Amino acid sequence: MAVEQAGLGTPDDLSDEEREAVETLLYRLADDELVLGERYTEWQVRAPTLESDLALANIAQDEFGHARLWYDLLQDFGADEADLIYERDPADFRHSTLVELPFEEGDWADAIVRSYLYDVAEDVRLEALAGTSYPRIADRVGKVRSEEEYHQEHAQNWLERLADDEEGRARLQEAIDRLLPYALTLFEGDEIDARIDDLGIRTESLDSMREQWFDIALPFCRSLGLDTPEGIREDPKSFLPEQVGRDGDHTDDWRDLHDEMTHTYRELGRTEAHKIMPDPDETDE
């Protein structure tokens, strides 16, 4: 638990060390949401039902909106949307490798397991930001959290539905085995995390949030008849994949996805980006 801190004030009030801590956290938040939303768009018109197709399209739109909220705060420090997304080197992105992995072809269980593991982690993360010492983050947490509750409910309902027969459980188990190690990367960081905690930018450490995530996700998966690896809670580091993403080390799949994501921008020779969502500060007025 972080020591309670006075508010950090406006972007102009931050010291260099405070600014670095805020930016580090914001890049992770924004990049996770952007890349996950980009992956979700691959399921449009391919989900198993019209209802689920529309639901995942709405969830993708939400994730892009959340990314916009966090990127907007990074623009306080002088960057524009082109710098943050389209002109940025793929190695500079700090998202978890969970969100960049391609879906197993045609496997709806992959999308649902990934969504569930991510959405539980996101709820834990947002709860730790609710009492943040940085007011610009606090202003946005409520909106993001209210929409993420729907995402988690959607994933949980589909997990229960798929686990209702032997074939569905088998597909879910394959997805759990494949994705659970990558989900652990959501709770990876670096030496700046101690400063993030000490400054009260979030109220829980990465280790504490991972424990809360284990408390929710593992029992629920087991209640559906799904196995989770023995020892993963006691020694999570030993289950991590080779690339975790937070340090800029990504899978080859991210390079391909980044190329697709920025293709139109590059082909048109643009130097400015069309905003992915309206400016939150303008729409809140």
C-alpha atoms as a PDB file:
ATOM      1  CA  MET A   1       0.000   0.000   0.000  1.00  0.00           C
ATOM      2  CA  ALA A   2       1.407   3.372  -1.006  1.00  0.00           C
ATOM      3  CA  VAL A   3       1.933   6.095   1.553  1.00  0.00           C
ATOM      4  CA  GLU A   4      -0.839   8.696   1.315  1.00  0.00           C
ATOM      5  CA  GLN A   5       0.367  11.743  -0.566  1.00  0.00           C
ATOM      6  CA  ALA A   6      -0.897  15.249  -1.145  1.00  0.00           C
ATOM      7  CA  GLY A   7      -2.169  15.911  -4.661  1.00  0.00           C
ATOM      8  CA  LEU A   8       0.506  16.381  -7.298  1.00  0.00           C
ATOM      9  CA  GLY A   9      -1.222  19.358  -8.886  1.00  0.00           C
ATOM     10  CA  THR A  10      -1.263  20.354 -12.545  1.00  0.00           C
ATOM     11  CA  PRO A  11       1.138  19.077 -15.246  1.00  0.00           C
ATOM     12  CA  ASP A  12       3.125  22.303 -15.009  1.00  0.00           C
ATOM     13  CA  ASP A  13       3.607  21.757 -11.271  1.00  0.00           C
ATOM     14  CA  LEU A  14       5.348  18.390 -11.635  1.00  0.00           C
ATOM     15  CA  SER A  15       9.044  17.873 -11.062  1.00  0.00           C
ATOM     16  CA  ASP A  16      10.983  15.879 -13.653  1.00  0.00           C
ATOM     17  CA  GLU A  17      10.790  12.734 -11.501  1.00  0.00           C
ATOM     18  CA  GLU A  18       7.061  13.163 -10.897  1.00  0.00           C
ATOM     19  CA  ARG A  19       6.426  13.721 -14.583  1.00  0.00           C
ATOM     20  CA  GLU A  20       8.393  10.595 -15.533  1.00  0.00           C
ATOM     21  CA  ALA A  21       6.347   8.507 -13.094  1.00  0.00           C
ATOM     22  CA  VAL A  22       3.034   9.872 -14.415  1.00  0.00           C
ATOM     23  CA  GLU A  23       4.059   9.390 -18.038  1.00  0.00           C
ATOM     24  CA  THR A  24       5.241   5.817 -17.426  1.00  0.00           C
ATOM     25  CA  LEU A  25       1.893   4.836 -15.962  1.00  0.00           C
ATOM     26  CA  LEU A  26      -0.115   6.660 -18.643  1.00  0.00           C
ATOM     27  CA  TYR A  27       1.758   5.003 -21.495  1.00  0.00           C
ATOM     28  CA  ARG A  28       0.952   1.578 -20.089  1.00  0.00           C
ATOM     29  CA  LEU A  29      -2.715   2.438 -19.601  1.00  0.00           C
ATOM     30  CA  ALA A  30      -3.128   3.973 -23.049  1.00  0.00           C
ATOM     31  CA  ASP A  31      -1.110   1.415 -24.997  1.00  0.00           C
ATOM     32  CA  ASP A  32      -2.925  -1.545 -23.408  1.00  0.00           C
ATOM     33  CA  GLU A  33      -6.301  -0.134 -24.395  1.00  0.00           C
ATOM     34  CA  LEU A  34      -5.311   0.912 -27.911  1.00  0.00           C
ATOM     35  CA  VAL A  35      -3.737  -2.393 -28.878  1.00  0.00           C
ATOM     36  CA  LEU A  36      -6.498  -4.495 -27.323  1.00  0.00           C
ATOM     37  CA  GLY A  37      -9.125  -2.444 -29.164  1.00  0.00           C
ATOM     38  CA  GLU A  38      -7.209  -2.945 -32.402  1.00  0.00           C
ATOM     39  CA  ARG A  39      -7.182  -6.704 -31.884  1.00  0.00           C
ATOM     40  CA  TYR A  40     -10.901  -6.784 -31.041  1.00  0.00           C
ATOM     41  CA  THR A  41     -11.734  -5.201 -34.398  1.00  0.00           C
ATOM     42  CA  GLU A  42     -10.514  -8.403 -36.064  1.00  0.00           C
ATOM     43  CA  TRP A  43     -13.621 -10.160 -34.744  1.00  0.00           C
ATOM     44  CA  GLN A  44     -16.126  -7.877 -36.436  1.00  0.00           C
ATOM     45  CA  VAL A  45     -18.598  -9.901 -38.554  1.00  0.00           C
ATOM     46  CA  ARG A  46     -16.820 -13.099 -37.434  1.00  0.00           C
ATOM     47  CA  ALA A  47     -18.200 -13.562 -33.898  1.00  0.00           C
ATOM     48  CA  PRO A  48     -20.508 -16.573 -33.346  1.00  0.00           C
ATOM     49  CA  THR A  49     -23.731 -14.540 -33.086  1.00  0.00           C
ATOM     50  CA  LEU A  50     -24.944 -11.147 -34.246  1.00  0.00           C
ATOM     51  CA  GLU A  51     -25.374 -10.145 -30.614  1.00  0.00           C
ATOM     52  CA  SER A  52     -21.780 -11.047 -29.733  1.00  0.00           C
ATOM     53  CA  ASP A  53     -20.510  -9.356 -32.894  1.00  0.00           C
ATOM     54  CA  LEU A  54     -22.187  -6.103 -31.883  1.00  0.00           C
ATOM     55  CA  ALA A  55     -21.066  -6.477 -28.258  1.00  0.00           C
ATOM     56  CA  LEU A  56     -17.400  -6.918 -29.164  1.00  0.00           C
ATOM     57  CA  ALA A  57     -17.566  -4.041 -31.643  1.00  0.00           C
ATOM     58  CA  ASN A  58     -18.905  -1.837 -28.840  1.00  0.00           C
ATOM     59  CA  ILE A  59     -16.200  -3.077 -26.490  1.00  0.00           C
ATOM     60  CA  ALA A  60     -13.511  -2.264 -29.080  1.00  0.00           C
ATOM     61  CA  GLN A  61     -14.958   1.232 -29.403  1.00  0.00           C
ATOM     62  CA  ASP A  62     -14.854   1.597 -25.616  1.00  0.00           C
ATOM     63  CA  GLU A  63     -11.210   0.538 -25.509  1.00  0.00           C
ATOM     64  CA  PHE A  64     -10.300   3.116 -28.156  1.00  0.00           C
ATOM     65  CA  GLY A  65     -12.152   5.719 -26.112  1.00  0.00           C
ATOM     66  CA  HIS A  66     -10.251   4.764 -22.967  1.00  0.00           C
ATOM     67  CA  ALA A  67      -6.971   4.943 -24.864  1.00  0.00           C
ATOM     68  CA  ARG A  68      -7.957   8.427 -26.007  1.00  0.00           C
ATOM     69  CA  LEU A  69      -8.590   9.482 -22.403  1.00  0.00           C
ATOM     70  CA  TRP A  70      -5.095   8.427 -21.342  1.00  0.00           C
ATOM     71  CA  TYR A  71      -3.289   9.691 -24.468  1.00  0.00           C
ATOM     72  CA  ASP A  72      -4.998  13.029 -23.916  1.00  0.00           C
ATOM     73  CA  LEU A  73      -3.219  13.316 -20.573  1.00  0.00           C
ATOM     74  CA  LEU A  74       0.109  12.570 -22.250  1.00  0.00           C
ATOM     75  CA  GLN A  75      -0.553  15.480 -24.583  1.00  0.00           C
ATOM     76  CA  ASP A  76      -0.356  17.703 -21.495  1.00  0.00           C
ATOM     77  CA  PHE A  77       3.400  17.135 -21.736  1.00  0.00           C
ATOM     78  CA  GLY A  78       3.740  18.336 -25.324  1.00  0.00           C
ATOM     79  CA  ALA A  79       3.120  15.276 -27.502  1.00  0.00           C
ATOM     80  CA  ASP A  80       0.380  15.148 -30.135  1.00  0.00           C
ATOM     81  CA  GLU A  81      -1.634  12.160 -31.302  1.00  0.00           C
ATOM     82  CA  ALA A  82       0.675  11.466 -34.241  1.00  0.00           C
ATOM     83  CA  ASP A  83       3.683  11.360 -31.895  1.00  0.00           C
ATOM     84  CA  LEU A  84       1.872   9.069 -29.475  1.00  0.00           C
ATOM     85  CA  ILE A  85       0.566   6.536 -31.983  1.00  0.00           C
ATOM     86  CA  TYR A  86       1.434   6.803 -35.675  1.00  0.00           C
ATOM     87  CA  GLU A  87       4.938   8.295 -35.559  1.00  0.00           C
ATOM     88  CA  ARG A  88       6.062   6.262 -32.568  1.00  0.00           C
ATOM     89  CA  ASP A  89       8.481   3.387 -32.980  1.00  0.00           C
ATOM     90  CA  PRO A  90       6.849   0.027 -32.178  1.00  0.00           C
ATOM     91  CA  ALA A  91       9.583  -0.655 -29.602  1.00  0.00           C
ATOM     92  CA  ASP A  92       8.522   2.443 -27.662  1.00  0.00           C
ATOM     93  CA  PHE A  93       5.055   1.040 -26.895  1.00  0.00           C
ATOM     94  CA  ARG A  94       4.622  -0.252 -23.363  1.00  0.00           C
ATOM     95  CA  HIS A  95       1.561  -2.495 -23.573  1.00  0.00           C
ATOM     96  CA  SER A  96       1.416  -5.984 -22.141  1.00  0.00           C
ATOM     97  CA  THR A  97       2.099  -8.729 -24.661  1.00  0.00           C
ATOM     98  CA  LEU A  98      -1.282 -10.254 -23.748  1.00  0.00           C
ATOM     99  CA  VAL A  99      -3.073  -7.633 -25.841  1.00  0.00           C
ATOM    100  CA  GLU A 100      -0.866  -7.895 -28.936  1.00  0.00           C
ATOM    101  CA  LEU A 101      -1.089 -11.648 -29.515  1.00  0.00           C
ATOM    102  CA  PRO A 102      -3.134 -12.629 -32.568  1.00  0.00           C
ATOM    103  CA  PHE A 103      -6.256 -14.626 -31.840  1.00  0.00           C
ATOM    104  CA  GLU A 104      -6.159 -18.313 -32.555  1.00  0.00           C
ATOM    105  CA  GLU A 105      -7.910 -18.505 -35.924  1.00  0.00           C
ATOM    106  CA  GLY A 106     -11.645 -18.823 -35.500  1.00  0.00           C
ATOM    107  CA  ASP A 107     -11.389 -19.521 -31.763  1.00  0.00           C
ATOM    108  CA  TRP A 108     -14.005 -17.488 -29.909  1.00  0.00           C
ATOM    109  CA  ALA A 109     -12.761 -19.051 -26.648  1.00  0.00           C
ATOM    110  CA  ASP A 110      -9.471 -17.180 -27.127  1.00  0.00           C
ATOM    111  CA  ALA A 111     -11.270 -13.839 -27.366  1.00  0.00           C
ATOM    112  CA  ILE A 112     -13.394 -14.556 -24.300  1.00  0.00           C
ATOM    113  CA  VAL A 113     -10.595 -15.858 -22.072  1.00  0.00           C
ATOM    114  CA  ARG A 114      -8.360 -12.961 -23.067  1.00  0.00           C
ATOM    115  CA  SER A 115     -11.140 -10.473 -22.381  1.00  0.00           C
ATOM    116  CA  TYR A 116     -11.886 -11.976 -18.980  1.00  0.00           C
ATOM    117  CA  LEU A 117      -8.271 -12.081 -17.817  1.00  0.00           C
ATOM    118  CA  TYR A 118      -7.681  -8.524 -19.010  1.00  0.00           C
ATOM    119  CA  ASP A 119     -10.940  -7.073 -17.685  1.00  0.00           C
ATOM    120  CA  VAL A 120     -10.451  -8.454 -14.181  1.00  0.00           C
ATOM    121  CA  ALA A 121      -6.953  -6.980 -14.153  1.00  0.00           C
ATOM    122  CA  GLU A 122      -8.281  -3.688 -15.490  1.00  0.00           C
ATOM    123  CA  ASP A 123     -10.876  -3.463 -12.719  1.00  0.00           C
ATOM    124  CA  VAL A 124      -8.183  -4.042 -10.099  1.00  0.00           C
ATOM    125  CA  ARG A 125      -5.945  -1.454 -11.749  1.00  0.00           C
ATOM    126  CA  LEU A 126      -8.697   1.154 -11.943  1.00  0.00           C
ATOM    127  CA  GLU A 127      -9.587   0.621  -8.303  1.00  0.00           C
ATOM    128  CA  ALA A 128      -5.957   1.368  -7.438  1.00  0.00           C
ATOM    129  CA  LEU A 129      -6.235   4.593  -9.459  1.00  0.00           C
ATOM    130  CA  ALA A 130      -9.460   5.774  -7.846  1.00  0.00           C
ATOM    131  CA  GLY A 131      -7.507   7.388  -5.005  1.00  0.00           C
ATOM    132  CA  THR A 132      -4.646   8.660  -7.178  1.00  0.00           C
ATOM    133  CA  SER A 133      -2.715  11.731  -6.136  1.00  0.00           C
ATOM    134  CA  TYR A 134      -2.742  12.996  -9.750  1.00  0.00           C
ATOM    135  CA  PRO A 135      -6.065  14.797 -10.332  1.00  0.00           C
ATOM    136  CA  ARG A 136      -5.980  14.499 -14.128  1.00  0.00           C
ATOM    137  CA  ILE A 137      -6.080  10.703 -13.812  1.00  0.00           C
ATOM    138  CA  ALA A 138      -8.742  10.792 -11.091  1.00  0.00           C
ATOM    139  CA  ASP A 139     -11.036  12.789 -13.402  1.00  0.00           C
ATOM    140  CA  ARG A 140     -11.180   9.872 -15.860  1.00  0.00           C
ATOM    141  CA  VAL A 141     -11.228   6.741 -13.725  1.00  0.00           C
ATOM    142  CA  GLY A 142     -14.968   6.722 -13.089  1.00  0.00           C
ATOM    143  CA  LYS A 143     -15.945   6.796 -16.764  1.00  0.00           C
ATOM    144  CA  VAL A 144     -13.493   4.060 -17.718  1.00  0.00           C
ATOM    145  CA  ARG A 145     -14.486   1.848 -14.821  1.00  0.00           C
ATOM    146  CA  SER A 146     -18.217   2.040 -15.517  1.00  0.00           C
ATOM    147  CA  GLU A 147     -17.666   0.781 -19.065  1.00  0.00           C
ATOM    148  CA  GLU A 148     -15.156  -1.886 -18.056  1.00  0.00           C
ATOM    149  CA  GLU A 149     -17.765  -3.423 -15.727  1.00  0.00           C
ATOM    150  CA  TYR A 150     -19.840  -4.272 -18.796  1.00  0.00           C
ATOM    151  CA  HIS A 151     -16.808  -5.782 -20.531  1.00  0.00           C
ATOM    152  CA  GLN A 152     -16.127  -8.070 -17.584  1.00  0.00           C
ATOM    153  CA  GLU A 153     -19.765  -9.116 -17.352  1.00  0.00           C
ATOM    154  CA  HIS A 154     -19.826  -9.935 -21.074  1.00  0.00           C
ATOM    155  CA  ALA A 155     -16.698 -12.097 -20.813  1.00  0.00           C
ATOM    156  CA  GLN A 156     -17.860 -13.845 -17.654  1.00  0.00           C
ATOM    157  CA  ASN A 157     -21.245 -14.705 -19.158  1.00  0.00           C
ATOM    158  CA  TRP A 158     -19.608 -16.176 -22.238  1.00  0.00           C
ATOM    159  CA  LEU A 159     -17.158 -18.183 -20.145  1.00  0.00           C
ATOM    160  CA  GLU A 160     -20.048 -19.780 -18.289  1.00  0.00           C
ATOM    161  CA  ARG A 161     -21.834 -20.465 -21.560  1.00  0.00           C
ATOM    162  CA  LEU A 162     -18.827 -22.060 -23.251  1.00  0.00           C
ATOM    163  CA  ALA A 163     -17.965 -24.125 -20.173  1.00  0.00           C
ATOM    164  CA  ASP A 164     -21.398 -25.711 -20.215  1.00  0.00           C
ATOM    165  CA  ASP A 165     -20.319 -28.611 -22.434  1.00  0.00           C
ATOM    166  CA  GLU A 166     -17.220 -30.749 -22.829  1.00  0.00           C
ATOM    167  CA  GLU A 167     -16.119 -29.333 -26.178  1.00  0.00           C
ATOM    168  CA  GLY A 168     -16.430 -25.754 -24.969  1.00  0.00           C
ATOM    169  CA  ARG A 169     -14.469 -26.479 -21.796  1.00  0.00           C
ATOM    170  CA  ALA A 170     -11.699 -28.071 -23.838  1.00  0.00           C
ATOM    171  CA  ARG A 171     -11.405 -24.960 -26.002  1.00  0.00           C
ATOM    172  CA  LEU A 172     -11.413 -22.735 -22.929  1.00  0.00           C
ATOM    173  CA  GLN A 173      -8.715 -24.848 -21.336  1.00  0.00           C
ATOM    174  CA  GLU A 174      -6.501 -24.492 -24.388  1.00  0.00           C
ATOM    175  CA  ALA A 175      -6.988 -20.730 -24.246  1.00  0.00           C
ATOM    176  CA  ILE A 176      -6.216 -20.609 -20.514  1.00  0.00           C
ATOM    177  CA  ASP A 177      -3.028 -22.608 -21.037  1.00  0.00           C
ATOM    178  CA  ARG A 178      -1.942 -20.310 -23.858  1.00  0.00           C
ATOM    179  CA  LEU A 179      -2.928 -16.921 -22.422  1.00  0.00           C
ATOM    180  CA  LEU A 180      -2.541 -17.078 -18.643  1.00  0.00           C
ATOM    181  CA  PRO A 181       1.255 -16.607 -18.706  1.00  0.00           C
ATOM    182  CA  TYR A 182       0.835 -13.574 -20.956  1.00  0.00           C
ATOM    183  CA  ALA A 183      -1.800 -12.126 -18.631  1.00  0.00           C
ATOM    184  CA  LEU A 184       0.854 -12.042 -15.910  1.00  0.00           C
ATOM    185  CA  THR A 185       2.694  -9.412 -17.948  1.00  0.00           C
ATOM    186  CA  LEU A 186      -0.056  -6.925 -17.042  1.00  0.00           C
ATOM    187  CA  PHE A 187       1.594  -6.775 -13.615  1.00  0.00           C
ATOM    188  CA  GLU A 188       5.162  -6.299 -14.786  1.00  0.00           C
ATOM    189  CA  GLY A 189       6.998  -2.992 -14.496  1.00  0.00           C
ATOM    190  CA  ASP A 190      10.406  -1.500 -13.832  1.00  0.00           C
ATOM    191  CA  GLU A 191      12.330   0.571 -11.309  1.00  0.00           C
ATOM    192  CA  ILE A 192       9.974   3.528 -11.777  1.00  0.00           C
ATOM    193  CA  ASP A 193       7.112   1.597 -10.175  1.00  0.00           C
ATOM    194  CA  ALA A 194       8.434   2.209  -6.664  1.00  0.00           C
ATOM    195  CA  ARG A 195       8.244   5.943  -7.394  1.00  0.00           C
ATOM    196  CA  ILE A 196       4.716   5.605  -8.825  1.00  0.00           C
ATOM    197  CA  ASP A 197       3.651   3.983  -5.558  1.00  0.00           C
ATOM    198  CA  ASP A 198       5.553   6.366  -3.289  1.00  0.00           C
ATOM    199  CA  LEU A 199       3.995   9.363  -5.024  1.00  0.00           C
ATOM    200  CA  GLY A 200       0.524   7.906  -4.564  1.00  0.00           C
ATOM    201  CA  ILE A 201      -0.187   7.920  -8.294  1.00  0.00           C
ATOM    202  CA  ARG A 202      -1.785   4.570  -7.609  1.00  0.00           C
ATOM    203  CA  THR A 203      -2.687   3.126  -4.207  1.00  0.00           C
ATOM    204  CA  GLU A 204      -1.599  -0.485  -4.761  1.00  0.00           C
ATOM    205  CA  SER A 205       1.675  -1.981  -5.971  1.00  0.00           C
ATOM    206  CA  LEU A 206       1.888  -4.277  -8.984  1.00  0.00           C
ATOM    207  CA  ASP A 207       2.469  -7.258  -6.687  1.00  0.00           C
ATOM    208  CA  SER A 208      -0.584  -6.371  -4.603  1.00  0.00           C
ATOM    209  CA  MET A 209      -2.754  -5.962  -7.687  1.00  0.00           C
ATOM    210  CA  ARG A 210      -1.567  -9.305  -9.049  1.00  0.00           C
ATOM    211  CA  GLU A 211      -2.614 -10.973  -5.785  1.00  0.00           C
ATOM    212  CA  GLN A 212      -6.059  -9.391  -6.014  1.00  0.00           C
ATOM    213  CA  TRP A 213      -6.319 -10.598  -9.605  1.00  0.00           C
ATOM    214  CA  PHE A 214      -5.389 -14.118  -8.553  1.00  0.00           C
ATOM    215  CA  ASP A 215      -8.075 -13.957  -5.837  1.00  0.00           C
ATOM    216  CA  ILE A 216     -10.753 -13.302  -8.457  1.00  0.00           C
ATOM    217  CA  ALA A 217      -9.658 -14.975 -11.688  1.00  0.00           C
ATOM    218  CA  LEU A 218      -8.247 -18.302 -10.503  1.00  0.00           C
ATOM    219  CA  PRO A 219     -11.205 -19.413  -8.346  1.00  0.00           C
ATOM    220  CA  PHE A 220     -13.693 -18.412 -11.041  1.00  0.00           C
ATOM    221  CA  CYS A 221     -11.870 -20.390 -13.729  1.00  0.00           C
ATOM    222  CA  ARG A 222     -11.652 -23.412 -11.442  1.00  0.00           C
ATOM    223  CA  SER A 223     -15.380 -23.139 -10.652  1.00  0.00           C
ATOM    224  CA  LEU A 224     -16.019 -23.759 -14.345  1.00  0.00           C
ATOM    225  CA  GLY A 225     -13.932 -26.928 -14.333  1.00  0.00           C
ATOM    226  CA  LEU A 226     -10.850 -25.276 -15.812  1.00  0.00           C
ATOM    227  CA  ASP A 227      -7.351 -26.033 -14.555  1.00  0.00           C
ATOM    228  CA  THR A 228      -4.790 -23.361 -13.723  1.00  0.00           C
ATOM    229  CA  PRO A 229      -1.078 -24.155 -13.346  1.00  0.00           C
ATOM    230  CA  GLU A 230       0.152 -25.404 -10.001  1.00  0.00           C
ATOM    231  CA  GLY A 231       2.519 -22.927  -8.396  1.00  0.00           C
ATOM    232  CA  ILE A 232       1.582 -19.949 -10.568  1.00  0.00           C
ATOM    233  CA  ARG A 233       0.534 -17.941  -7.541  1.00  0.00           C
ATOM    234  CA  GLU A 234       3.569 -18.849  -5.457  1.00  0.00           C
ATOM    235  CA  ASP A 235       6.114 -18.146  -8.207  1.00  0.00           C
ATOM    236  CA  PRO A 236       4.469 -16.099 -10.978  1.00  0.00           C
ATOM    237  CA  LYS A 237       7.785 -14.882 -12.392  1.00  0.00           C
ATOM    238  CA  SER A 238       8.683 -18.395 -13.487  1.00  0.00           C
ATOM    239  CA  PHE A 239       5.570 -18.532 -15.692  1.00  0.00           C
ATOM    240  CA  LEU A 240       6.227 -15.289 -17.569  1.00  0.00           C
ATOM    241  CA  PRO A 241       6.697 -15.507 -21.344  1.00  0.00           C
ATOM    242  CA  GLU A 242       9.939 -14.405 -22.973  1.00  0.00           C
ATOM    243  CA  GLN A 243       8.484 -11.037 -24.031  1.00  0.00           C
ATOM    244  CA  VAL A 244       6.517  -9.039 -21.469  1.00  0.00           C
ATOM    245  CA  GLY A 245       6.022  -5.795 -23.397  1.00  0.00           C
ATOM    246  CA  ARG A 246       6.390  -3.305 -20.562  1.00  0.00           C
ATOM    247  CA  ASP A 247      10.101  -2.969 -21.318  1.00  0.00           C
ATOM    248  CA  GLY A 248       9.536  -2.518 -25.055  1.00  0.00           C
ATOM    249  CA  ASP A 249      10.388  -6.148 -25.843  1.00  0.00           C
ATOM    250  CA  HIS A 250       7.453  -7.401 -27.905  1.00  0.00           C
ATOM    251  CA  THR A 251       6.558 -10.407 -30.011  1.00  0.00           C
ATOM    252  CA  ASP A 252       6.939 -10.346 -33.792  1.00  0.00           C
ATOM    253  CA  ASP A 253       3.134 -10.221 -33.940  1.00  0.00           C
ATOM    254  CA  TRP A 254       3.227  -6.664 -32.602  1.00  0.00           C
ATOM    255  CA  ARG A 255       5.367  -5.470 -35.504  1.00  0.00           C
ATOM    256  CA  ASP A 256       2.814  -6.892 -37.928  1.00  0.00           C
ATOM    257  CA  LEU A 257      -0.125  -5.369 -36.062  1.00  0.00           C
ATOM    258  CA  HIS A 258       1.595  -1.983 -35.828  1.00  0.00           C
ATOM    259  CA  ASP A 259       2.211  -2.036 -39.579  1.00  0.00           C
ATOM    260  CA  GLU A 260      -1.470  -2.715 -40.188  1.00  0.00           C
ATOM    261  CA  MET A 261      -2.558  -0.072 -37.679  1.00  0.00           C
ATOM    262  CA  THR A 262      -0.422   2.663 -39.246  1.00  0.00           C
ATOM    263  CA  HIS A 263      -0.642   1.543 -42.883  1.00  0.00           C
ATOM    264  CA  THR A 264      -3.226   4.086 -44.051  1.00  0.00           C
ATOM    265  CA  TYR A 265      -1.475   6.927 -42.222  1.00  0.00           C
ATOM    266  CA  ARG A 266       1.817   6.086 -43.931  1.00  0.00           C
ATOM    267  CA  GLU A 267       0.313   5.402 -47.348  1.00  0.00           C
ATOM    268  CA  LEU A 268      -1.409   8.780 -47.394  1.00  0.00           C
ATOM    269  CA  GLY A 269       1.821  10.513 -46.380  1.00  0.00           C
ATOM    270  CA  ARG A 270       0.209  12.170 -43.400  1.00  0.00           C
ATOM    271  CA  THR A 271       2.083  14.188 -40.803  1.00  0.00           C
ATOM    272  CA  GLU A 272      -0.931  14.781 -38.555  1.00  0.00           C
ATOM    273  CA  ALA A 273      -3.306  12.200 -37.151  1.00  0.00           C
ATOM    274  CA  HIS A 274      -7.072  12.273 -37.256  1.00  0.00           C
ATOM    275  CA  LYS A 275      -8.113  11.978 -33.632  1.00  0.00           C
ATOM    276  CA  ILE A 276      -9.326   8.503 -32.721  1.00  0.00           C
ATOM    277  CA  MET A 277     -11.912  10.056 -30.384  1.00  0.00           C
ATOM    278  CA  PRO A 278     -13.057  13.608 -29.483  1.00  0.00           C
ATOM    279  CA  ASP A 279     -10.973  15.551 -26.949  1.00  0.00           C
ATOM    280  CA  PRO A 280     -12.312  14.498 -23.514  1.00  0.00           C
ATOM    281  CA  ASP A 281     -11.794  17.934 -22.001  1.00  0.00           C
ATOM    282  CA  GLU A 282     -13.828  19.537 -24.781  1.00  0.00           C
ATOM    283  CA  THR A 283     -16.687  17.036 -24.612  1.00  0.00           C
ATOM    284  CA  ASP A 284     -16.942  17.309 -20.825  1.00  0.00           C
ATOM    285  CA  GLU A 285     -17.538  21.035 -20.950  1.00  0.00           C
END
